[in-house]
Amino acid sequence: MSSKSGKTILLVEDDAAIIDTLTMFLRYEGYEVLKARSVGRALEVLETTCPDLVLLDYMLQDDTGDRVVAFARRKYGYDTKIMLLTAVDDAEGR
């Protein structure tokens, strides 16, 4: 799929309502959106695709976002930007 912006975003989020809403807004803005609802699926996508940005929910059901960050950095260095999203509200958890 080709996007108007030429930019690809990998959205890693386990909440269906959030992933659907963000996908709608991002596609409206012209981004190609790849979706993963687990760390395992995110790693599969990253194995073959270097997105311009990963929007990553830190707390997923199968693991934390640390694995996704580490994998993306090993495979692509800093070519892929990563933005962590979290509901963790204590300073120690961030």
N, C-alpha and C. Protein backbone atom coordinates (compact mmCIF):
# COMPACT_ATOMS: atom_id res chain seq x y z
N MET A 1 0.84 -1.18 0.00
CA MET A 1 0.00 0.00 0.00
C MET A 1 0.89 1.24 0.00
N SER A 2 0.60 2.18 -0.86
CA SER A 2 1.35 3.43 -0.94
C SER A 2 0.58 4.52 -0.20
N SER A 3 1.30 5.38 0.47
CA SER A 3 0.64 6.45 1.22
C SER A 3 0.96 7.80 0.59
N LYS A 4 0.12 8.78 0.84
CA LYS A 4 0.34 10.14 0.31
C LYS A 4 1.63 10.72 0.86
N SER A 5 1.94 10.44 2.10
CA SER A 5 3.11 11.03 2.73
C SER A 5 4.38 10.25 2.41
N GLY A 6 4.22 9.00 1.98
CA GLY A 6 5.38 8.15 1.76
C GLY A 6 5.98 7.65 3.05
N LYS A 7 5.30 7.85 4.16
CA LYS A 7 5.80 7.46 5.48
C LYS A 7 4.98 6.31 6.04
N THR A 8 5.67 5.40 6.70
CA THR A 8 5.03 4.23 7.30
C THR A 8 5.17 4.29 8.81
N ILE A 9 4.06 4.02 9.50
CA ILE A 9 4.05 3.98 10.96
C ILE A 9 3.62 2.59 11.39
N LEU A 10 4.41 1.99 12.29
CA LEU A 10 4.01 0.74 12.93
C LEU A 10 3.35 1.11 14.25
N LEU A 11 2.10 0.76 14.39
CA LEU A 11 1.32 1.04 15.59
C LEU A 11 1.21 -0.24 16.39
N VAL A 12 1.80 -0.25 17.59
CA VAL A 12 1.80 -1.43 18.45
C VAL A 12 0.95 -1.10 19.67
N GLU A 13 -0.23 -1.71 19.73
CA GLU A 13 -1.22 -1.39 20.76
C GLU A 13 -2.15 -2.59 20.90
N ASP A 14 -2.47 -2.98 22.14
CA ASP A 14 -3.34 -4.15 22.33
C ASP A 14 -4.81 -3.79 22.53
N ASP A 15 -5.14 -2.53 22.65
CA ASP A 15 -6.53 -2.10 22.81
C ASP A 15 -7.12 -1.82 21.43
N ALA A 16 -8.12 -2.60 21.03
CA ALA A 16 -8.70 -2.50 19.69
C ALA A 16 -9.27 -1.11 19.40
N ALA A 17 -9.94 -0.51 20.37
CA ALA A 17 -10.53 0.82 20.15
C ALA A 17 -9.46 1.87 19.90
N ILE A 18 -8.38 1.80 20.65
CA ILE A 18 -7.29 2.76 20.47
C ILE A 18 -6.61 2.56 19.13
N ILE A 19 -6.32 1.31 18.79
CA ILE A 19 -5.64 1.05 17.52
C ILE A 19 -6.51 1.47 16.33
N ASP A 20 -7.82 1.24 16.41
CA ASP A 20 -8.72 1.63 15.32
C ASP A 20 -8.79 3.15 15.19
N THR A 21 -8.89 3.85 16.31
CA THR A 21 -8.97 5.32 16.28
C THR A 21 -7.68 5.94 15.75
N LEU A 22 -6.55 5.50 16.28
CA LEU A 22 -5.27 6.04 15.81
C LEU A 22 -5.05 5.73 14.33
N THR A 23 -5.41 4.52 13.91
CA THR A 23 -5.26 4.15 12.50
C THR A 23 -6.07 5.08 11.62
N MET A 24 -7.30 5.36 12.01
CA MET A 24 -8.16 6.24 11.22
C MET A 24 -7.52 7.64 11.07
N PHE A 25 -7.05 8.20 12.17
CA PHE A 25 -6.46 9.54 12.12
C PHE A 25 -5.16 9.55 11.32
N LEU A 26 -4.32 8.56 11.53
CA LEU A 26 -3.03 8.52 10.82
C LEU A 26 -3.23 8.33 9.32
N ARG A 27 -4.14 7.45 8.94
CA ARG A 27 -4.41 7.26 7.51
C ARG A 27 -5.01 8.51 6.89
N TYR A 28 -5.86 9.20 7.62
CA TYR A 28 -6.44 10.45 7.14
C TYR A 28 -5.33 11.47 6.85
N GLU A 29 -4.28 11.45 7.67
CA GLU A 29 -3.15 12.36 7.48
C GLU A 29 -2.17 11.87 6.42
N GLY A 30 -2.46 10.71 5.82
CA GLY A 30 -1.66 10.24 4.69
C GLY A 30 -0.59 9.22 5.00
N TYR A 31 -0.59 8.68 6.21
CA TYR A 31 0.42 7.69 6.58
C TYR A 31 -0.06 6.28 6.25
N GLU A 32 0.89 5.43 5.88
CA GLU A 32 0.60 4.01 5.80
C GLU A 32 0.73 3.48 7.23
N VAL A 33 -0.24 2.72 7.69
CA VAL A 33 -0.23 2.22 9.06
C VAL A 33 -0.17 0.70 9.06
N LEU A 34 0.85 0.18 9.72
CA LEU A 34 0.97 -1.25 9.98
C LEU A 34 0.57 -1.45 11.43
N LYS A 35 -0.18 -2.51 11.71
CA LYS A 35 -0.70 -2.70 13.07
C LYS A 35 -0.19 -4.00 13.67
N ALA A 36 0.11 -3.94 14.96
CA ALA A 36 0.48 -5.13 15.72
C ALA A 36 -0.19 -5.00 17.09
N ARG A 37 -0.82 -6.08 17.53
CA ARG A 37 -1.51 -6.05 18.83
C ARG A 37 -0.73 -6.79 19.92
N SER A 38 0.52 -7.16 19.60
CA SER A 38 1.36 -7.84 20.59
C SER A 38 2.83 -7.58 20.26
N VAL A 39 3.69 -7.83 21.23
CA VAL A 39 5.13 -7.72 21.01
C VAL A 39 5.55 -8.72 19.95
N GLY A 40 5.05 -9.94 20.04
CA GLY A 40 5.41 -10.97 19.06
C GLY A 40 5.11 -10.55 17.64
N ARG A 41 3.92 -9.99 17.42
CA ARG A 41 3.54 -9.55 16.07
C ARG A 41 4.39 -8.35 15.64
N ALA A 42 4.68 -7.44 16.55
CA ALA A 42 5.53 -6.29 16.22
C ALA A 42 6.91 -6.76 15.75
N LEU A 43 7.46 -7.75 16.42
CA LEU A 43 8.77 -8.28 16.02
C LEU A 43 8.71 -8.91 14.64
N GLU A 44 7.61 -9.60 14.33
CA GLU A 44 7.43 -10.18 12.99
C GLU A 44 7.42 -9.09 11.92
N VAL A 45 6.69 -8.02 12.18
CA VAL A 45 6.62 -6.91 11.21
C VAL A 45 7.99 -6.28 11.05
N LEU A 46 8.68 -6.04 12.15
CA LEU A 46 10.00 -5.40 12.09
C LEU A 46 11.05 -6.28 11.42
N GLU A 47 10.83 -7.56 11.39
CA GLU A 47 11.77 -8.47 10.72
C GLU A 47 11.89 -8.14 9.24
N THR A 48 10.79 -7.67 8.63
CA THR A 48 10.78 -7.45 7.18
C THR A 48 10.54 -6.00 6.77
N THR A 49 10.22 -5.13 7.72
CA THR A 49 9.84 -3.75 7.39
C THR A 49 10.55 -2.78 8.32
N CYS A 50 11.09 -1.72 7.75
CA CYS A 50 11.71 -0.65 8.53
C CYS A 50 10.79 0.56 8.48
N PRO A 51 9.87 0.69 9.44
CA PRO A 51 8.95 1.83 9.42
C PRO A 51 9.68 3.12 9.77
N ASP A 52 9.08 4.23 9.38
CA ASP A 52 9.66 5.53 9.72
C ASP A 52 9.48 5.83 11.21
N LEU A 53 8.39 5.31 11.78
CA LEU A 53 8.08 5.55 13.19
C LEU A 53 7.37 4.34 13.76
N VAL A 54 7.70 4.01 15.01
CA VAL A 54 6.96 3.01 15.77
C VAL A 54 6.27 3.74 16.91
N LEU A 55 4.94 3.68 16.93
CA LEU A 55 4.16 4.18 18.07
C LEU A 55 3.88 2.96 18.93
N LEU A 56 4.46 2.91 20.09
CA LEU A 56 4.54 1.68 20.88
C LEU A 56 3.92 1.84 22.26
N ASP A 57 2.88 1.08 22.51
CA ASP A 57 2.32 0.97 23.86
C ASP A 57 3.33 0.18 24.68
N TYR A 58 3.78 0.73 25.77
CA TYR A 58 4.82 0.07 26.55
C TYR A 58 4.32 -1.20 27.25
N MET A 59 3.10 -1.18 27.76
CA MET A 59 2.57 -2.31 28.52
C MET A 59 1.62 -3.12 27.64
N LEU A 60 2.12 -4.22 27.08
CA LEU A 60 1.30 -5.09 26.25
C LEU A 60 1.06 -6.40 27.00
N GLN A 61 0.10 -7.17 26.54
CA GLN A 61 -0.28 -8.39 27.26
C GLN A 61 0.81 -9.45 27.25
N ASP A 62 1.59 -9.55 26.16
CA ASP A 62 2.57 -10.63 26.07
C ASP A 62 3.98 -10.22 26.52
N ASP A 63 4.24 -8.94 26.71
CA ASP A 63 5.57 -8.49 27.13
C ASP A 63 5.55 -6.97 27.22
N THR A 64 6.72 -6.39 27.50
CA THR A 64 6.82 -4.93 27.50
C THR A 64 7.46 -4.45 26.20
N GLY A 65 7.35 -3.16 25.97
CA GLY A 65 7.89 -2.58 24.76
C GLY A 65 9.41 -2.62 24.67
N ASP A 66 10.09 -2.93 25.77
CA ASP A 66 11.55 -3.00 25.75
C ASP A 66 12.07 -3.93 24.66
N ARG A 67 11.40 -5.06 24.47
CA ARG A 67 11.84 -6.03 23.45
C ARG A 67 11.73 -5.44 22.06
N VAL A 68 10.68 -4.69 21.81
CA VAL A 68 10.49 -4.08 20.49
C VAL A 68 11.57 -3.02 20.25
N VAL A 69 11.82 -2.19 21.25
CA VAL A 69 12.84 -1.16 21.12
C VAL A 69 14.21 -1.80 20.86
N ALA A 70 14.58 -2.79 21.65
CA ALA A 70 15.88 -3.44 21.49
C ALA A 70 16.02 -4.08 20.11
N PHE A 71 14.98 -4.76 19.65
CA PHE A 71 15.02 -5.40 18.34
C PHE A 71 15.17 -4.36 17.23
N ALA A 72 14.37 -3.30 17.28
CA ALA A 72 14.42 -2.26 16.24
C ALA A 72 15.79 -1.59 16.22
N ARG A 73 16.37 -1.33 17.38
CA ARG A 73 17.68 -0.69 17.43
C ARG A 73 18.77 -1.61 16.86
N ARG A 74 18.71 -2.90 17.19
CA ARG A 74 19.70 -3.85 16.65
C ARG A 74 19.59 -3.95 15.13
N LYS A 75 18.37 -4.01 14.63
CA LYS A 75 18.16 -4.24 13.20
C LYS A 75 18.33 -2.98 12.36
N TYR A 76 17.84 -1.83 12.84
CA TYR A 76 17.81 -0.62 12.02
C TYR A 76 18.57 0.57 12.61
N GLY A 77 19.19 0.38 13.75
CA GLY A 77 19.87 1.52 14.38
C GLY A 77 18.86 2.59 14.73
N TYR A 78 19.19 3.83 14.38
CA TYR A 78 18.28 4.94 14.68
C TYR A 78 17.53 5.41 13.44
N ASP A 79 17.51 4.58 12.38
CA ASP A 79 16.74 4.92 11.18
C ASP A 79 15.24 4.94 11.48
N THR A 80 14.82 4.11 12.41
CA THR A 80 13.42 4.07 12.82
C THR A 80 13.26 4.83 14.13
N LYS A 81 12.41 5.81 14.13
CA LYS A 81 12.11 6.56 15.36
C LYS A 81 11.07 5.79 16.16
N ILE A 82 11.17 5.87 17.49
CA ILE A 82 10.25 5.14 18.36
C ILE A 82 9.66 6.10 19.38
N MET A 83 8.34 6.07 19.50
CA MET A 83 7.65 6.86 20.51
C MET A 83 6.90 5.89 21.42
N LEU A 84 7.25 5.90 22.70
CA LEU A 84 6.59 5.03 23.68
C LEU A 84 5.39 5.74 24.28
N LEU A 85 4.29 5.02 24.34
CA LEU A 85 3.07 5.51 24.97
C LEU A 85 2.80 4.61 26.16
N THR A 86 2.43 5.19 27.28
CA THR A 86 2.19 4.35 28.45
C THR A 86 1.16 4.97 29.38
N ALA A 87 0.50 4.10 30.10
CA ALA A 87 -0.43 4.54 31.14
C ALA A 87 0.23 4.46 32.51
N VAL A 88 1.51 4.08 32.55
CA VAL A 88 2.24 4.02 33.81
C VAL A 88 2.31 5.43 34.37
N ASP A 89 1.88 5.60 35.62
CA ASP A 89 1.82 6.95 36.15
C ASP A 89 2.81 7.25 37.28
N ASP A 90 3.64 6.29 37.64
CA ASP A 90 4.64 6.59 38.65
C ASP A 90 6.00 6.85 37.99
N ALA A 91 6.79 7.71 38.59
CA ALA A 91 8.07 8.11 38.00
C ALA A 91 9.01 6.92 37.84
N GLU A 92 8.99 5.99 38.77
CA GLU A 92 9.87 4.84 38.71
C GLU A 92 9.55 3.95 37.51
N GLY A 93 8.28 3.82 37.17
CA GLY A 93 7.87 2.99 36.05
C GLY A 93 8.18 3.58 34.70
N ARG A 94 8.39 4.87 34.64
CA ARG A 94 8.71 5.54 33.38
C ARG A 94 10.18 5.52 33.17
